[in-house]
Amino acid sequence: MNKEVHNKRTKLTSVKRKGKKQTVQLRMSGRFLEENGFKKDETVDILVREDLLIIQPLKNIL
């Protein structure tokens, strides 16, 4: 796992689901995730704080 700090910029897009209002979507995929310790089918924990999202693999939570 890569221990360096990395930044990745991506755009928020909109998505409309059948019968529901349009909402915002954040989509991330690719080697960037794998290179930073995220594995296929792994559960993640998302912590939300003032203008900050922290996404970490659930296995790292004690």
N, C-alpha and C. Protein backbone atom coordinates (compact mmCIF):
# COMPACT_ATOMS: atom_id res chain seq x y z
N MET A 1 0.83 -1.18 0.00
CA MET A 1 0.00 0.00 0.00
C MET A 1 0.88 1.24 0.00
N ASN A 2 0.46 2.24 -0.76
CA ASN A 2 1.18 3.49 -0.89
C ASN A 2 0.92 4.36 0.35
N LYS A 3 1.96 4.82 1.04
CA LYS A 3 1.81 5.60 2.26
C LYS A 3 1.91 7.11 2.00
N GLU A 4 2.18 7.52 0.75
CA GLU A 4 2.29 8.94 0.43
C GLU A 4 0.91 9.57 0.35
N VAL A 5 0.86 10.89 0.49
CA VAL A 5 -0.39 11.63 0.35
C VAL A 5 -0.58 11.95 -1.13
N HIS A 6 -1.77 11.67 -1.64
CA HIS A 6 -2.08 11.94 -3.05
C HIS A 6 -3.35 12.76 -3.14
N ASN A 7 -3.39 13.60 -4.14
CA ASN A 7 -4.60 14.36 -4.45
C ASN A 7 -5.15 13.86 -5.77
N LYS A 8 -6.45 13.82 -5.87
CA LYS A 8 -7.10 13.45 -7.13
C LYS A 8 -8.27 14.40 -7.31
N ARG A 9 -8.33 15.04 -8.47
CA ARG A 9 -9.46 15.92 -8.76
C ARG A 9 -10.43 15.22 -9.68
N THR A 10 -11.70 15.37 -9.36
CA THR A 10 -12.75 14.81 -10.18
C THR A 10 -13.98 15.70 -10.04
N LYS A 11 -14.86 15.64 -11.01
CA LYS A 11 -16.06 16.47 -10.96
C LYS A 11 -17.22 15.71 -10.34
N LEU A 12 -18.03 16.44 -9.63
CA LEU A 12 -19.30 15.90 -9.17
C LEU A 12 -20.26 16.00 -10.35
N THR A 13 -21.02 14.97 -10.57
CA THR A 13 -21.98 14.97 -11.66
C THR A 13 -23.38 14.80 -11.08
N SER A 14 -24.37 14.89 -11.94
CA SER A 14 -25.72 14.69 -11.46
C SER A 14 -26.26 13.36 -11.99
N VAL A 15 -27.18 12.81 -11.25
CA VAL A 15 -27.80 11.55 -11.64
C VAL A 15 -29.28 11.64 -11.28
N LYS A 16 -30.10 11.11 -12.16
CA LYS A 16 -31.54 11.07 -11.88
C LYS A 16 -31.98 9.63 -11.94
N ARG A 17 -32.50 9.16 -10.85
CA ARG A 17 -33.00 7.79 -10.79
C ARG A 17 -34.48 7.78 -11.10
N LYS A 18 -34.93 6.69 -11.61
CA LYS A 18 -36.32 6.54 -12.02
C LYS A 18 -37.28 6.93 -10.89
N GLY A 19 -38.12 7.92 -11.19
CA GLY A 19 -39.13 8.36 -10.24
C GLY A 19 -38.62 9.21 -9.09
N LYS A 20 -37.36 9.62 -9.12
CA LYS A 20 -36.80 10.41 -8.04
C LYS A 20 -36.19 11.69 -8.59
N LYS A 21 -35.94 12.64 -7.71
CA LYS A 21 -35.33 13.91 -8.10
C LYS A 21 -33.85 13.72 -8.46
N GLN A 22 -33.36 14.66 -9.23
CA GLN A 22 -31.95 14.66 -9.60
C GLN A 22 -31.10 14.94 -8.35
N THR A 23 -29.96 14.29 -8.25
CA THR A 23 -29.08 14.46 -7.10
C THR A 23 -27.62 14.45 -7.56
N VAL A 24 -26.73 14.78 -6.67
CA VAL A 24 -25.30 14.83 -7.00
C VAL A 24 -24.66 13.46 -6.83
N GLN A 25 -23.62 13.20 -7.62
CA GLN A 25 -22.94 11.90 -7.59
C GLN A 25 -21.43 12.12 -7.63
N LEU A 26 -20.71 11.36 -6.83
CA LEU A 26 -19.25 11.35 -6.86
C LEU A 26 -18.84 9.95 -7.27
N ARG A 27 -18.12 9.85 -8.37
CA ARG A 27 -17.74 8.54 -8.89
C ARG A 27 -16.22 8.44 -8.93
N MET A 28 -15.70 7.36 -8.36
CA MET A 28 -14.26 7.13 -8.36
C MET A 28 -14.01 5.70 -8.80
N SER A 29 -13.01 5.52 -9.65
CA SER A 29 -12.64 4.19 -10.08
C SER A 29 -11.22 4.21 -10.63
N GLY A 30 -10.68 3.03 -10.84
CA GLY A 30 -9.38 2.94 -11.49
C GLY A 30 -8.23 2.54 -10.59
N ARG A 31 -7.08 2.55 -11.20
CA ARG A 31 -5.84 2.15 -10.50
C ARG A 31 -5.55 3.02 -9.30
N PHE A 32 -5.96 4.28 -9.37
CA PHE A 32 -5.74 5.21 -8.25
C PHE A 32 -6.20 4.59 -6.94
N LEU A 33 -7.39 3.99 -6.94
CA LEU A 33 -7.91 3.37 -5.73
C LEU A 33 -7.10 2.14 -5.33
N GLU A 34 -6.83 1.27 -6.28
CA GLU A 34 -6.08 0.05 -6.00
C GLU A 34 -4.67 0.36 -5.51
N GLU A 35 -4.03 1.34 -6.11
CA GLU A 35 -2.67 1.71 -5.72
C GLU A 35 -2.62 2.31 -4.32
N ASN A 36 -3.77 2.72 -3.81
CA ASN A 36 -3.83 3.32 -2.48
C ASN A 36 -4.55 2.46 -1.46
N GLY A 37 -4.59 1.14 -1.72
CA GLY A 37 -5.04 0.20 -0.71
C GLY A 37 -6.48 -0.24 -0.77
N PHE A 38 -7.24 0.15 -1.79
CA PHE A 38 -8.64 -0.24 -1.91
C PHE A 38 -8.75 -1.44 -2.84
N LYS A 39 -9.45 -2.46 -2.40
CA LYS A 39 -9.56 -3.71 -3.15
C LYS A 39 -10.99 -3.93 -3.62
N LYS A 40 -11.15 -4.68 -4.69
CA LYS A 40 -12.45 -5.04 -5.23
C LYS A 40 -13.29 -5.73 -4.15
N ASP A 41 -14.55 -5.41 -4.09
CA ASP A 41 -15.53 -5.99 -3.16
C ASP A 41 -15.27 -5.68 -1.69
N GLU A 42 -14.37 -4.78 -1.41
CA GLU A 42 -14.07 -4.40 -0.03
C GLU A 42 -15.07 -3.35 0.45
N THR A 43 -15.45 -3.42 1.69
CA THR A 43 -16.34 -2.43 2.28
C THR A 43 -15.52 -1.25 2.77
N VAL A 44 -16.03 -0.03 2.55
CA VAL A 44 -15.32 1.16 3.00
C VAL A 44 -16.17 1.91 4.01
N ASP A 45 -15.51 2.69 4.83
CA ASP A 45 -16.16 3.56 5.79
C ASP A 45 -15.98 4.99 5.28
N ILE A 46 -17.06 5.78 5.27
CA ILE A 46 -16.99 7.16 4.80
C ILE A 46 -17.36 8.07 5.96
N LEU A 47 -16.41 8.89 6.35
CA LEU A 47 -16.59 9.85 7.44
C LEU A 47 -16.75 11.23 6.81
N VAL A 48 -17.79 11.96 7.22
CA VAL A 48 -18.05 13.29 6.67
C VAL A 48 -17.87 14.31 7.77
N ARG A 49 -17.01 15.28 7.50
CA ARG A 49 -16.80 16.41 8.40
C ARG A 49 -16.82 17.66 7.56
N GLU A 50 -16.95 18.80 8.16
CA GLU A 50 -17.03 20.09 7.48
C GLU A 50 -16.20 20.13 6.19
N ASP A 51 -16.85 20.00 5.05
CA ASP A 51 -16.21 20.07 3.73
C ASP A 51 -15.10 19.05 3.53
N LEU A 52 -15.19 17.90 4.18
CA LEU A 52 -14.16 16.88 4.06
C LEU A 52 -14.79 15.49 4.09
N LEU A 53 -14.40 14.65 3.14
CA LEU A 53 -14.80 13.24 3.14
C LEU A 53 -13.55 12.41 3.40
N ILE A 54 -13.64 11.47 4.30
CA ILE A 54 -12.54 10.54 4.55
C ILE A 54 -13.07 9.15 4.21
N ILE A 55 -12.44 8.51 3.24
CA ILE A 55 -12.86 7.18 2.80
C ILE A 55 -11.73 6.22 3.12
N GLN A 56 -12.04 5.20 3.90
CA GLN A 56 -11.00 4.25 4.27
C GLN A 56 -11.55 2.84 4.25
N PRO A 57 -10.68 1.87 3.90
CA PRO A 57 -11.13 0.47 3.92
C PRO A 57 -11.56 0.10 5.32
N LEU A 58 -12.65 -0.63 5.45
CA LEU A 58 -13.18 -1.01 6.75
C LEU A 58 -12.20 -1.85 7.55
N LYS A 59 -11.35 -2.61 6.89
CA LYS A 59 -10.38 -3.44 7.60
C LYS A 59 -9.39 -2.64 8.43
N ASN A 60 -9.23 -1.33 8.13
CA ASN A 60 -8.28 -0.49 8.86
C ASN A 60 -8.88 0.13 10.11
N ILE A 61 -10.15 -0.14 10.37
CA ILE A 61 -10.80 0.46 11.54
C ILE A 61 -10.65 -0.48 12.72
N LEU A 62 -10.16 0.04 13.81
CA LEU A 62 -9.97 -0.78 15.01
C LEU A 62 -11.17 -0.71 15.91
